[in-house]
């Protein structure tokens, strides 16, 4: 049963990473939108997610996903023994990317369906 868990996670995580970074045009949106802090631009600035923070978070999530996939492959290859702690670590990485993707979906849907002022 644990082998199925690792095999499934190893297949699902790259797809989630693809959805998170490339398929959603996330990187293009980051390049196009200014992300000035609220301190510098009180009206149009962002409170927390400035470009450096988005960069660090996105690269951290991508790195964690790749490490998770690597761990799954090492377990499937018999190089790392299965344990409850390892399964919890892999599940935590999966929950991180799922939570990140869900948050981004919410933000994108809210932004896309927001009422825009009429010109």
PDB file of N, CA and C in Angstrom:
ATOM      1  N   UNK A   1       0.809  -1.207   0.000  1.00  0.00           N
ATOM      2  CA  UNK A   1       0.000   0.000   0.000  1.00  0.00           C
ATOM      3  C   UNK A   1       0.850   1.267   0.000  1.00  0.00           C
ATOM      4  N   UNK A   2       1.920   1.372   0.826  1.00  0.00           N
ATOM      5  CA  UNK A   2       2.745   2.586   0.774  1.00  0.00           C
ATOM      6  C   UNK A   2       3.394   2.807  -0.591  1.00  0.00           C
ATOM      7  N   UNK A   3       3.716   1.703  -1.310  1.00  0.00           N
ATOM      8  CA  UNK A   3       4.315   1.867  -2.639  1.00  0.00           C
ATOM      9  C   UNK A   3       3.341   2.592  -3.571  1.00  0.00           C
ATOM     10  N   UNK A   4       2.051   2.290  -3.446  1.00  0.00           N
ATOM     11  CA  UNK A   4       1.054   2.984  -4.259  1.00  0.00           C
ATOM     12  C   UNK A   4       1.028   4.474  -3.923  1.00  0.00           C
ATOM     13  N   UNK A   5       1.163   4.792  -2.650  1.00  0.00           N
ATOM     14  CA  UNK A   5       1.188   6.193  -2.223  1.00  0.00           C
ATOM     15  C   UNK A   5       2.346   6.931  -2.884  1.00  0.00           C
ATOM     16  N   UNK A   6       3.540   6.358  -2.802  1.00  0.00           N
ATOM     17  CA  UNK A   6       4.719   7.016  -3.371  1.00  0.00           C
ATOM     18  C   UNK A   6       4.626   7.104  -4.892  1.00  0.00           C
ATOM     19  N   UNK A   7       4.131   6.053  -5.529  1.00  0.00           N
ATOM     20  CA  UNK A   7       4.000   6.070  -6.991  1.00  0.00           C
ATOM     21  C   UNK A   7       2.995   7.134  -7.432  1.00  0.00           C
ATOM     22  N   UNK A   8       1.891   7.224  -6.719  1.00  0.00           N
ATOM     23  CA  UNK A   8       0.870   8.218  -7.067  1.00  0.00           C
ATOM     24  C   UNK A   8       1.388   9.637  -6.856  1.00  0.00           C
ATOM     25  N   UNK A   9       2.025   9.874  -5.730  1.00  0.00           N
ATOM     26  CA  UNK A   9       2.559  11.209  -5.445  1.00  0.00           C
ATOM     27  C   UNK A   9       3.625  11.582  -6.469  1.00  0.00           C
ATOM     28  N   UNK A  10       4.478  10.624  -6.845  1.00  0.00           N
ATOM     29  CA  UNK A  10       5.531  10.900  -7.827  1.00  0.00           C
ATOM     30  C   UNK A  10       4.951  11.259  -9.189  1.00  0.00           C
ATOM     31  N   UNK A  11       3.761  10.776  -9.503  1.00  0.00           N
ATOM     32  CA  UNK A  11       3.116  11.114 -10.769  1.00  0.00           C
ATOM     33  C   UNK A  11       2.317  12.411 -10.689  1.00  0.00           C
ATOM     34  N   UNK A  12       1.713  12.664  -9.549  1.00  0.00           N
ATOM     35  CA  UNK A  12       0.822  13.819  -9.404  1.00  0.00           C
ATOM     36  C   UNK A  12       1.588  15.125  -9.195  1.00  0.00           C
ATOM     37  N   UNK A  13       2.653  15.103  -8.419  1.00  0.00           N
ATOM     38  CA  UNK A  13       3.370  16.343  -8.095  1.00  0.00           C
ATOM     39  C   UNK A  13       3.895  17.096  -9.322  1.00  0.00           C
ATOM     40  N   UNK A  14       4.513  16.441 -10.301  1.00  0.00           N
ATOM     41  CA  UNK A  14       4.955  17.210 -11.475  1.00  0.00           C
ATOM     42  C   UNK A  14       3.803  17.870 -12.229  1.00  0.00           C
ATOM     43  N   UNK A  15       2.658  17.206 -12.274  1.00  0.00           N
ATOM     44  CA  UNK A  15       1.491  17.796 -12.939  1.00  0.00           C
ATOM     45  C   UNK A  15       1.022  19.030 -12.169  1.00  0.00           C
ATOM     46  N   UNK A  16       1.002  18.942 -10.848  1.00  0.00           N
ATOM     47  CA  UNK A  16       0.612  20.098 -10.034  1.00  0.00           C
ATOM     48  C   UNK A  16       1.613  21.243 -10.184  1.00  0.00           C
ATOM     49  N   UNK A  17       2.889  20.906 -10.252  1.00  0.00           N
ATOM     50  CA  UNK A  17       3.909  21.934 -10.457  1.00  0.00           C
ATOM     51  C   UNK A  17       3.715  22.616 -11.804  1.00  0.00           C
ATOM     52  N   UNK A  18       3.424  21.832 -12.822  1.00  0.00           N
ATOM     53  CA  UNK A  18       3.156  22.392 -14.146  1.00  0.00           C
ATOM     54  C   UNK A  18       1.941  23.313 -14.101  1.00  0.00           C
ATOM     55  N   UNK A  19       0.886  22.878 -13.440  1.00  0.00           N
ATOM     56  CA  UNK A  19      -0.322  23.706 -13.327  1.00  0.00           C
ATOM     57  C   UNK A  19      -0.042  24.977 -12.547  1.00  0.00           C
ATOM     58  N   UNK A  20       0.777  24.874 -11.525  1.00  0.00           N
ATOM     59  CA  UNK A  20       1.038  26.030 -10.664  1.00  0.00           C
ATOM     60  C   UNK A  20       1.870  27.094 -11.367  1.00  0.00           C
ATOM     61  N   UNK A  21       2.875  26.689 -12.114  1.00  0.00           N
ATOM     62  CA  UNK A  21       3.809  27.671 -12.661  1.00  0.00           C
ATOM     63  C   UNK A  21       3.575  28.013 -14.126  1.00  0.00           C
ATOM     64  N   UNK A  22       3.355  27.036 -14.968  1.00  0.00           N
ATOM     65  CA  UNK A  22       3.346  27.338 -16.395  1.00  0.00           C
ATOM     66  C   UNK A  22       1.962  27.398 -17.010  1.00  0.00           C
ATOM     67  N   UNK A  23       1.130  26.436 -16.740  1.00  0.00           N
ATOM     68  CA  UNK A  23      -0.160  26.372 -17.416  1.00  0.00           C
ATOM     69  C   UNK A  23      -1.053  27.557 -17.068  1.00  0.00           C
ATOM     70  N   UNK A  24      -0.926  28.082 -15.886  1.00  0.00           N
ATOM     71  CA  UNK A  24      -1.793  29.179 -15.456  1.00  0.00           C
ATOM     72  C   UNK A  24      -1.254  30.552 -15.865  1.00  0.00           C
ATOM     73  N   UNK A  25      -0.175  30.573 -16.623  1.00  0.00           N
ATOM     74  CA  UNK A  25       0.453  31.823 -17.071  1.00  0.00           C
ATOM     75  C   UNK A  25       0.886  32.667 -15.867  1.00  0.00           C
ATOM     76  N   UNK A  26       1.221  31.995 -14.816  1.00  0.00           N
ATOM     77  CA  UNK A  26       1.624  32.638 -13.567  1.00  0.00           C
ATOM     78  C   UNK A  26       2.857  33.509 -13.763  1.00  0.00           C
ATOM     79  N   UNK A  27       3.843  32.984 -14.472  1.00  0.00           N
ATOM     80  CA  UNK A  27       5.088  33.725 -14.653  1.00  0.00           C
ATOM     81  C   UNK A  27       4.880  34.969 -15.515  1.00  0.00           C
ATOM     82  N   UNK A  28       4.031  34.859 -16.541  1.00  0.00           N
ATOM     83  CA  UNK A  28       3.734  36.034 -17.368  1.00  0.00           C
ATOM     84  C   UNK A  28       3.023  37.103 -16.547  1.00  0.00           C
ATOM     85  N   UNK A  29       2.107  36.675 -15.696  1.00  0.00           N
ATOM     86  CA  UNK A  29       1.403  37.625 -14.836  1.00  0.00           C
ATOM     87  C   UNK A  29       2.339  38.329 -13.870  1.00  0.00           C
ATOM     88  N   UNK A  30       3.313  37.594 -13.357  1.00  0.00           N
ATOM     89  CA  UNK A  30       4.292  38.211 -12.459  1.00  0.00           C
ATOM     90  C   UNK A  30       5.137  39.243 -13.185  1.00  0.00           C
ATOM     91  N   UNK A  31       5.512  38.931 -14.402  1.00  0.00           N
ATOM     92  CA  UNK A  31       6.358  39.851 -15.162  1.00  0.00           C
ATOM     93  C   UNK A  31       5.589  41.114 -15.554  1.00  0.00           C
ATOM     94  N   UNK A  32       4.292  40.969 -15.817  1.00  0.00           N
ATOM     95  CA  UNK A  32       3.494  42.100 -16.303  1.00  0.00           C
ATOM     96  C   UNK A  32       2.999  43.021 -15.196  1.00  0.00           C
ATOM     97  N   UNK A  33       2.705  42.468 -14.023  1.00  0.00           N
ATOM     98  CA  UNK A  33       2.106  43.249 -12.944  1.00  0.00           C
ATOM     99  C   UNK A  33       3.155  43.845 -12.019  1.00  0.00           C
ATOM    100  N   UNK A  34       3.077  45.134 -11.765  1.00  0.00           N
ATOM    101  CA  UNK A  34       3.989  45.694 -10.761  1.00  0.00           C
ATOM    102  C   UNK A  34       3.558  45.222  -9.370  1.00  0.00           C
ATOM    103  N   UNK A  35       4.514  44.906  -8.538  1.00  0.00           N
ATOM    104  CA  UNK A  35       4.213  44.423  -7.190  1.00  0.00           C
ATOM    105  C   UNK A  35       4.953  45.289  -6.183  1.00  0.00           C
ATOM    106  N   UNK A  36       4.624  46.571  -6.185  1.00  0.00           N
ATOM    107  CA  UNK A  36       5.255  47.533  -5.287  1.00  0.00           C
ATOM    108  C   UNK A  36       4.619  47.395  -3.912  1.00  0.00           C
ATOM    109  N   UNK A  37       5.412  47.562  -2.873  1.00  0.00           N
ATOM    110  CA  UNK A  37       4.872  47.417  -1.518  1.00  0.00           C
ATOM    111  C   UNK A  37       3.917  48.564  -1.197  1.00  0.00           C
ATOM    112  N   UNK A  38       3.034  48.313  -0.274  1.00  0.00           N
ATOM    113  CA  UNK A  38       2.039  49.305   0.144  1.00  0.00           C
ATOM    114  C   UNK A  38       2.726  50.522   0.756  1.00  0.00           C
ATOM    115  N   UNK A  39       3.902  50.325   1.325  1.00  0.00           N
ATOM    116  CA  UNK A  39       4.649  51.439   1.918  1.00  0.00           C
ATOM    117  C   UNK A  39       5.043  52.457   0.842  1.00  0.00           C
ATOM    118  N   UNK A  40       5.443  51.969  -0.337  1.00  0.00           N
ATOM    119  CA  UNK A  40       5.848  52.869  -1.420  1.00  0.00           C
ATOM    120  C   UNK A  40       4.666  53.382  -2.231  1.00  0.00           C
ATOM    121  N   UNK A  41       3.609  52.576  -2.343  1.00  0.00           N
ATOM    122  CA  UNK A  41       2.417  52.965  -3.099  1.00  0.00           C
ATOM    123  C   UNK A  41       1.192  52.633  -2.247  1.00  0.00           C
ATOM    124  N   UNK A  42       0.721  53.597  -1.432  1.00  0.00           N
ATOM    125  CA  UNK A  42      -0.382  53.318  -0.502  1.00  0.00           C
ATOM    126  C   UNK A  42      -1.686  52.907  -1.181  1.00  0.00           C
ATOM    127  N   UNK A  43      -1.886  53.280  -2.441  1.00  0.00           N
ATOM    128  CA  UNK A  43      -3.148  52.974  -3.116  1.00  0.00           C
ATOM    129  C   UNK A  43      -3.074  51.650  -3.876  1.00  0.00           C
ATOM    130  N   UNK A  44      -2.080  51.498  -4.743  1.00  0.00           N
ATOM    131  CA  UNK A  44      -2.021  50.318  -5.603  1.00  0.00           C
ATOM    132  C   UNK A  44      -1.017  49.272  -5.186  1.00  0.00           C
ATOM    133  N   UNK A  45      -0.351  49.476  -4.068  1.00  0.00           N
ATOM    134  CA  UNK A  45       0.687  48.537  -3.638  1.00  0.00           C
ATOM    135  C   UNK A  45       0.118  47.281  -3.000  1.00  0.00           C
ATOM    136  N   UNK A  46       0.968  46.281  -2.882  1.00  0.00           N
ATOM    137  CA  UNK A  46       0.562  45.029  -2.247  1.00  0.00           C
ATOM    138  C   UNK A  46       1.018  45.029  -0.793  1.00  0.00           C
ATOM    139  N   UNK A  47       0.273  44.334   0.046  1.00  0.00           N
ATOM    140  CA  UNK A  47       0.595  44.326   1.476  1.00  0.00           C
ATOM    141  C   UNK A  47       1.790  43.439   1.793  1.00  0.00           C
ATOM    142  N   UNK A  48       1.828  42.259   1.223  1.00  0.00           N
ATOM    143  CA  UNK A  48       2.868  41.315   1.620  1.00  0.00           C
ATOM    144  C   UNK A  48       3.621  40.720   0.428  1.00  0.00           C
ATOM    145  N   UNK A  49       2.913  40.345  -0.633  1.00  0.00           N
ATOM    146  CA  UNK A  49       3.502  39.569  -1.721  1.00  0.00           C
ATOM    147  C   UNK A  49       4.222  40.444  -2.739  1.00  0.00           C
ATOM    148  N   UNK A  50       5.316  41.040  -2.319  1.00  0.00           N
ATOM    149  CA  UNK A  50       6.169  41.793  -3.234  1.00  0.00           C
ATOM    150  C   UNK A  50       6.941  40.802  -4.105  1.00  0.00           C
ATOM    151  N   UNK A  51       7.559  41.299  -5.171  1.00  0.00           N
ATOM    152  CA  UNK A  51       8.290  40.409  -6.086  1.00  0.00           C
ATOM    153  C   UNK A  51       9.338  39.538  -5.396  1.00  0.00           C
ATOM    154  N   UNK A  52      10.181  40.089  -4.518  1.00  0.00           N
ATOM    155  CA  UNK A  52      11.166  39.212  -3.863  1.00  0.00           C
ATOM    156  C   UNK A  52      10.517  38.096  -3.041  1.00  0.00           C
ATOM    157  N   UNK A  53       9.421  38.390  -2.362  1.00  0.00           N
ATOM    158  CA  UNK A  53       8.745  37.357  -1.563  1.00  0.00           C
ATOM    159  C   UNK A  53       8.082  36.314  -2.457  1.00  0.00           C
ATOM    160  N   UNK A  54       7.464  36.765  -3.548  1.00  0.00           N
ATOM    161  CA  UNK A  54       6.862  35.822  -4.495  1.00  0.00           C
ATOM    162  C   UNK A  54       7.947  34.935  -5.096  1.00  0.00           C
ATOM    163  N   UNK A  55       9.084  35.518  -5.414  1.00  0.00           N
ATOM    164  CA  UNK A  55      10.203  34.757  -5.983  1.00  0.00           C
ATOM    165  C   UNK A  55      10.659  33.674  -5.011  1.00  0.00           C
ATOM    166  N   UNK A  56      10.899  34.048  -3.770  1.00  0.00           N
ATOM    167  CA  UNK A  56      11.383  33.085  -2.773  1.00  0.00           C
ATOM    168  C   UNK A  56      10.342  31.991  -2.528  1.00  0.00           C
ATOM    169  N   UNK A  57       9.076  32.379  -2.379  1.00  0.00           N
ATOM    170  CA  UNK A  57       8.037  31.384  -2.105  1.00  0.00           C
ATOM    171  C   UNK A  57       7.870  30.429  -3.280  1.00  0.00           C
ATOM    172  N   UNK A  58       7.787  30.959  -4.498  1.00  0.00           N
ATOM    173  CA  UNK A  58       7.585  30.111  -5.675  1.00  0.00           C
ATOM    174  C   UNK A  58       8.748  29.155  -5.876  1.00  0.00           C
ATOM    175  N   UNK A  59       9.966  29.656  -5.742  1.00  0.00           N
ATOM    176  CA  UNK A  59      11.132  28.787  -5.892  1.00  0.00           C
ATOM    177  C   UNK A  59      11.208  27.762  -4.759  1.00  0.00           C
ATOM    178  N   UNK A  60      10.790  28.143  -3.566  1.00  0.00           N
ATOM    179  CA  UNK A  60      10.780  27.198  -2.443  1.00  0.00           C
ATOM    180  C   UNK A  60       9.777  26.075  -2.677  1.00  0.00           C
ATOM    181  N   UNK A  61       8.580  26.426  -3.124  1.00  0.00           N
ATOM    182  CA  UNK A  61       7.568  25.405  -3.392  1.00  0.00           C
ATOM    183  C   UNK A  61       8.037  24.481  -4.514  1.00  0.00           C
ATOM    184  N   UNK A  62       8.594  25.045  -5.575  1.00  0.00           N
ATOM    185  CA  UNK A  62       9.090  24.217  -6.679  1.00  0.00           C
ATOM    186  C   UNK A  62      10.203  23.280  -6.205  1.00  0.00           C
ATOM    187  N   UNK A  63      11.091  23.773  -5.364  1.00  0.00           N
ATOM    188  CA  UNK A  63      12.177  22.939  -4.835  1.00  0.00           C
ATOM    189  C   UNK A  63      11.632  21.829  -3.945  1.00  0.00           C
ATOM    190  N   UNK A  64      10.670  22.152  -3.103  1.00  0.00           N
ATOM    191  CA  UNK A  64      10.065  21.141  -2.229  1.00  0.00           C
ATOM    192  C   UNK A  64       9.371  20.066  -3.056  1.00  0.00           C
ATOM    193  N   UNK A  65       8.687  20.469  -4.119  1.00  0.00           N
ATOM    194  CA  UNK A  65       8.026  19.497  -4.994  1.00  0.00           C
ATOM    195  C   UNK A  65       9.054  18.562  -5.622  1.00  0.00           C
ATOM    196  N   UNK A  66      10.146  19.120  -6.124  1.00  0.00           N
ATOM    197  CA  UNK A  66      11.164  18.287  -6.755  1.00  0.00           C
ATOM    198  C   UNK A  66      11.821  17.352  -5.736  1.00  0.00           C
ATOM    199  N   UNK A  67      12.070  17.833  -4.526  1.00  0.00           N
ATOM    200  CA  UNK A  67      12.625  16.970  -3.480  1.00  0.00           C
ATOM    201  C   UNK A  67      11.643  15.864  -3.101  1.00  0.00           C
ATOM    202  N   UNK A  68      10.361  16.199  -3.055  1.00  0.00           N
ATOM    203  CA  UNK A  68       9.323  15.205  -2.768  1.00  0.00           C
ATOM    204  C   UNK A  68       9.316  14.116  -3.837  1.00  0.00           C
ATOM    205  N   UNK A  69       9.366  14.520  -5.097  1.00  0.00           N
ATOM    206  CA  UNK A  69       9.387  13.545  -6.194  1.00  0.00           C
ATOM    207  C   UNK A  69      10.638  12.674  -6.081  1.00  0.00           C
ATOM    208  N   UNK A  70      11.771  13.300  -5.810  1.00  0.00           N
ATOM    209  CA  UNK A  70      13.011  12.540  -5.648  1.00  0.00           C
ATOM    210  C   UNK A  70      12.928  11.533  -4.512  1.00  0.00           C
ATOM    211  N   UNK A  71      12.361  11.948  -3.381  1.00  0.00           N
ATOM    212  CA  UNK A  71      12.179  11.026  -2.252  1.00  0.00           C
ATOM    213  C   UNK A  71      11.289   9.848  -2.633  1.00  0.00           C
ATOM    214  N   UNK A  72      10.202  10.141  -3.339  1.00  0.00           N
ATOM    215  CA  UNK A  72       9.299   9.069  -3.768  1.00  0.00           C
ATOM    216  C   UNK A  72      10.031   8.074  -4.663  1.00  0.00           C
ATOM    217  N   UNK A  73      10.824   8.582  -5.586  1.00  0.00           N
ATOM    218  CA  UNK A  73      11.560   7.697  -6.485  1.00  0.00           C
ATOM    219  C   UNK A  73      12.606   6.883  -5.730  1.00  0.00           C
ATOM    220  N   UNK A  74      13.250   7.488  -4.742  1.00  0.00           N
ATOM    221  CA  UNK A  74      14.229   6.746  -3.939  1.00  0.00           C
ATOM    222  C   UNK A  74      13.558   5.633  -3.128  1.00  0.00           C
ATOM    223  N   UNK A  75      12.369   5.899  -2.605  1.00  0.00           N
ATOM    224  CA  UNK A  75      11.634   4.863  -1.869  1.00  0.00           C
ATOM    225  C   UNK A  75      11.209   3.754  -2.825  1.00  0.00           C
ATOM    226  N   UNK A  76      10.690   4.139  -3.992  1.00  0.00           N
ATOM    227  CA  UNK A  76      10.260   3.131  -4.963  1.00  0.00           C
ATOM    228  C   UNK A  76      11.430   2.301  -5.467  1.00  0.00           C
ATOM    229  N   UNK A  77      12.606   2.904  -5.541  1.00  0.00           N
ATOM    230  CA  UNK A  77      13.800   2.187  -5.975  1.00  0.00           C
ATOM    231  C   UNK A  77      14.451   1.367  -4.874  1.00  0.00           C
ATOM    232  N   UNK A  78      13.936   1.450  -3.662  1.00  0.00           N
ATOM    233  CA  UNK A  78      14.465   0.678  -2.556  1.00  0.00           C
ATOM    234  C   UNK A  78      15.716   1.266  -1.924  1.00  0.00           C
ATOM    235  N   UNK A  79      16.047   2.510  -2.255  1.00  0.00           N
ATOM    236  CA  UNK A  79      17.246   3.137  -1.702  1.00  0.00           C
ATOM    237  C   UNK A  79      16.999   3.815  -0.362  1.00  0.00           C
ATOM    238  N   UNK A  80      15.749   4.154  -0.095  1.00  0.00           N
ATOM    239  CA  UNK A  80      15.361   4.775   1.180  1.00  0.00           C
ATOM    240  C   UNK A  80      14.215   3.939   1.748  1.00  0.00           C
ATOM    241  N   UNK A  81      14.313   3.529   3.013  1.00  0.00           N
ATOM    242  CA  UNK A  81      13.233   2.715   3.583  1.00  0.00           C
ATOM    243  C   UNK A  81      11.990   3.560   3.882  1.00  0.00           C
ATOM    244  N   UNK A  82      10.840   2.934   3.707  1.00  0.00           N
ATOM    245  CA  UNK A  82       9.569   3.595   4.006  1.00  0.00           C
ATOM    246  C   UNK A  82       9.410   3.733   5.518  1.00  0.00           C
ATOM    247  N   UNK A  83       8.813   4.836   5.933  1.00  0.00           N
ATOM    248  CA  UNK A  83       8.494   5.037   7.350  1.00  0.00           C
ATOM    249  C   UNK A  83       7.307   5.986   7.446  1.00  0.00           C
ATOM    250  N   UNK A  84       6.693   6.000   8.591  1.00  0.00           N
ATOM    251  CA  UNK A  84       5.559   6.901   8.813  1.00  0.00           C
ATOM    252  C   UNK A  84       6.020   8.355   8.702  1.00  0.00           C
ATOM    253  N   UNK A  85       7.189   8.654   9.237  1.00  0.00           N
ATOM    254  CA  UNK A  85       7.710  10.027   9.180  1.00  0.00           C
ATOM    255  C   UNK A  85       7.955  10.455   7.736  1.00  0.00           C
ATOM    256  N   UNK A  86       8.473   9.553   6.913  1.00  0.00           N
ATOM    257  CA  UNK A  86       8.724   9.879   5.512  1.00  0.00           C
ATOM    258  C   UNK A  86       7.414  10.101   4.765  1.00  0.00           C
ATOM    259  N   UNK A  87       6.423   9.256   5.045  1.00  0.00           N
ATOM    260  CA  UNK A  87       5.107   9.455   4.421  1.00  0.00           C
ATOM    261  C   UNK A  87       4.500  10.785   4.846  1.00  0.00           C
ATOM    262  N   UNK A  88       4.664  11.160   6.102  1.00  0.00           N
ATOM    263  CA  UNK A  88       4.153  12.452   6.580  1.00  0.00           C
ATOM    264  C   UNK A  88       4.876  13.605   5.888  1.00  0.00           C
ATOM    265  N   UNK A  89       6.175  13.475   5.691  1.00  0.00           N
ATOM    266  CA  UNK A  89       6.953  14.507   5.005  1.00  0.00           C
ATOM    267  C   UNK A  89       6.501  14.668   3.554  1.00  0.00           C
ATOM    268  N   UNK A  90       6.310  13.553   2.870  1.00  0.00           N
ATOM    269  CA  UNK A  90       5.846  13.594   1.480  1.00  0.00           C
ATOM    270  C   UNK A  90       4.431  14.167   1.419  1.00  0.00           C
ATOM    271  N   UNK A  91       3.570  13.763   2.343  1.00  0.00           N
ATOM    272  CA  UNK A  91       2.203  14.290   2.375  1.00  0.00           C
ATOM    273  C   UNK A  91       2.201  15.788   2.662  1.00  0.00           C
ATOM    274  N   UNK A  92       3.100  16.253   3.520  1.00  0.00           N
ATOM    275  CA  UNK A  92       3.185  17.693   3.809  1.00  0.00           C
ATOM    276  C   UNK A  92       3.579  18.474   2.559  1.00  0.00           C
ATOM    277  N   UNK A  93       4.513  17.950   1.785  1.00  0.00           N
ATOM    278  CA  UNK A  93       4.883  18.603   0.523  1.00  0.00           C
ATOM    279  C   UNK A  93       3.718  18.642  -0.443  1.00  0.00           C
ATOM    280  N   UNK A  94       2.964  17.554  -0.507  1.00  0.00           N
ATOM    281  CA  UNK A  94       1.786  17.504  -1.372  1.00  0.00           C
ATOM    282  C   UNK A  94       0.738  18.512  -0.912  1.00  0.00           C
ATOM    283  N   UNK A  95       0.503  18.592   0.389  1.00  0.00           N
ATOM    284  CA  UNK A  95      -0.467  19.560   0.912  1.00  0.00           C
ATOM    285  C   UNK A  95      -0.019  20.998   0.665  1.00  0.00           C
ATOM    286  N   UNK A  96       1.275  21.244   0.730  1.00  0.00           N
ATOM    287  CA  UNK A  96       1.791  22.588   0.450  1.00  0.00           C
ATOM    288  C   UNK A  96       1.469  23.012  -0.978  1.00  0.00           C
ATOM    289  N   UNK A  97       1.749  22.149  -1.937  1.00  0.00           N
ATOM    290  CA  UNK A  97       1.494  22.527  -3.328  1.00  0.00           C
ATOM    291  C   UNK A  97      -0.008  22.595  -3.613  1.00  0.00           C
ATOM    292  N   UNK A  98      -0.795  21.715  -3.014  1.00  0.00           N
ATOM    293  CA  UNK A  98      -2.247  21.788  -3.199  1.00  0.00           C
ATOM    294  C   UNK A  98      -2.817  23.071  -2.598  1.00  0.00           C
ATOM    295  N   UNK A  99      -2.359  23.435  -1.417  1.00  0.00           N
ATOM    296  CA  UNK A  99      -2.817  24.680  -0.794  1.00  0.00           C
ATOM    297  C   UNK A  99      -2.416  25.905  -1.593  1.00  0.00           C
ATOM    298  N   UNK A 100      -1.191  25.890  -2.114  1.00  0.00           N
ATOM    299  CA  UNK A 100      -0.720  27.005  -2.939  1.00  0.00           C
ATOM    300  C   UNK A 100      -1.552  27.122  -4.205  1.00  0.00           C
ATOM    301  N   UNK A 101      -1.800  25.991  -4.851  1.00  0.00           N
ATOM    302  CA  UNK A 101      -2.587  26.002  -6.083  1.00  0.00           C
ATOM    303  C   UNK A 101      -4.027  26.437  -5.815  1.00  0.00           C
ATOM    304  N   UNK A 102      -4.611  25.962  -4.724  1.00  0.00           N
ATOM    305  CA  UNK A 102      -5.978  26.364  -4.385  1.00  0.00           C
ATOM    306  C   UNK A 102      -6.059  27.862  -4.109  1.00  0.00           C
ATOM    307  N   UNK A 103      -5.081  28.390  -3.397  1.00  0.00           N
ATOM    308  CA  UNK A 103      -5.049  29.831  -3.129  1.00  0.00           C
ATOM    309  C   UNK A 103      -4.956  30.620  -4.425  1.00  0.00           C
ATOM    310  N   UNK A 104      -4.087  30.183  -5.322  1.00  0.00           N
ATOM    311  CA  UNK A 104      -3.937  30.874  -6.599  1.00  0.00           C
ATOM    312  C   UNK A 104      -5.211  30.799  -7.432  1.00  0.00           C
ATOM    313  N   UNK A 105      -5.900  29.659  -7.398  1.00  0.00           N
ATOM    314  CA  UNK A 105      -7.161  29.527  -8.128  1.00  0.00           C
ATOM    315  C   UNK A 105      -8.175  30.519  -7.580  1.00  0.00           C
ATOM    316  N   UNK A 106      -8.302  30.593  -6.266  1.00  0.00           N
ATOM    317  CA  UNK A 106      -9.239  31.534  -5.657  1.00  0.00           C
ATOM    318  C   UNK A 106      -8.925  32.970  -6.075  1.00  0.00           C
ATOM    319  N   UNK A 107      -7.662  33.336  -5.980  1.00  0.00           N
ATOM    320  CA  UNK A 107      -7.271  34.708  -6.324  1.00  0.00           C
ATOM    321  C   UNK A 107      -7.541  34.998  -7.789  1.00  0.00           C
ATOM    322  N   UNK A 108      -7.200  34.065  -8.677  1.00  0.00           N
ATOM    323  CA  UNK A 108      -7.414  34.279 -10.108  1.00  0.00           C
ATOM    324  C   UNK A 108      -8.894  34.377 -10.452  1.00  0.00           C
ATOM    325  N   UNK A 109      -9.717  33.524  -9.840  1.00  0.00           N
ATOM    326  CA  UNK A 109     -11.157  33.567 -10.115  1.00  0.00           C
ATOM    327  C   UNK A 109     -11.763  34.858  -9.583  1.00  0.00           C
ATOM    328  N   UNK A 110     -11.397  35.251  -8.381  1.00  0.00           N
ATOM    329  CA  UNK A 110     -11.933  36.498  -7.814  1.00  0.00           C
ATOM    330  C   UNK A 110     -11.509  37.693  -8.655  1.00  0.00           C
ATOM    331  N   UNK A 111     -10.249  37.720  -9.070  1.00  0.00           N
ATOM    332  CA  UNK A 111      -9.761  38.825  -9.897  1.00  0.00           C
ATOM    333  C   UNK A 111     -10.463  38.846 -11.260  1.00  0.00           C
ATOM    334  N   UNK A 112     -10.681  37.681 -11.852  1.00  0.00           N
ATOM    335  CA  UNK A 112     -11.296  37.615 -13.181  1.00  0.00           C
ATOM    336  C   UNK A 112     -12.779  37.954 -13.154  1.00  0.00           C
ATOM    337  N   UNK A 113     -13.444  37.713 -12.035  1.00  0.00           N
ATOM    338  CA  UNK A 113     -14.886  37.955 -11.976  1.00  0.00           C
ATOM    339  C   UNK A 113     -15.259  39.216 -11.208  1.00  0.00           C
ATOM    340  N   UNK A 114     -14.274  39.999 -10.823  1.00  0.00           N
ATOM    341  CA  UNK A 114     -14.550  41.230 -10.072  1.00  0.00           C
ATOM    342  C   UNK A 114     -15.263  42.241 -10.966  1.00  0.00           C
ATOM    343  N   UNK A 115     -16.151  43.006 -10.346  1.00  0.00           N
ATOM    344  CA  UNK A 115     -16.825  44.072 -11.085  1.00  0.00           C
ATOM    345  C   UNK A 115     -15.808  45.139 -11.442  1.00  0.00           C
ATOM    346  N   UNK A 116     -15.814  45.500 -12.706  1.00  0.00           N
ATOM    347  CA  UNK A 116     -14.898  46.544 -13.162  1.00  0.00           C
ATOM    348  C   UNK A 116     -15.693  47.829 -13.372  1.00  0.00           C
ATOM    349  N   UNK A 117     -15.096  48.950 -13.065  1.00  0.00           N
ATOM    350  CA  UNK A 117     -15.810  50.213 -13.292  1.00  0.00           C
ATOM    351  C   UNK A 117     -16.073  50.417 -14.781  1.00  0.00           C
ATOM    352  N   UNK A 118     -17.252  50.915 -15.084  1.00  0.00           N
ATOM    353  CA  UNK A 118     -17.616  51.167 -16.487  1.00  0.00           C
ATOM    354  C   UNK A 118     -16.970  52.440 -16.975  1.00  0.00           C
ATOM    355  N   UNK A 119     -16.569  52.389 -18.215  1.00  0.00           N
ATOM    356  CA  UNK A 119     -15.908  53.573 -18.795  1.00  0.00           C
ATOM    357  C   UNK A 119     -16.865  54.410 -19.596  1.00  0.00           C
TER     358      UNK A 119
END
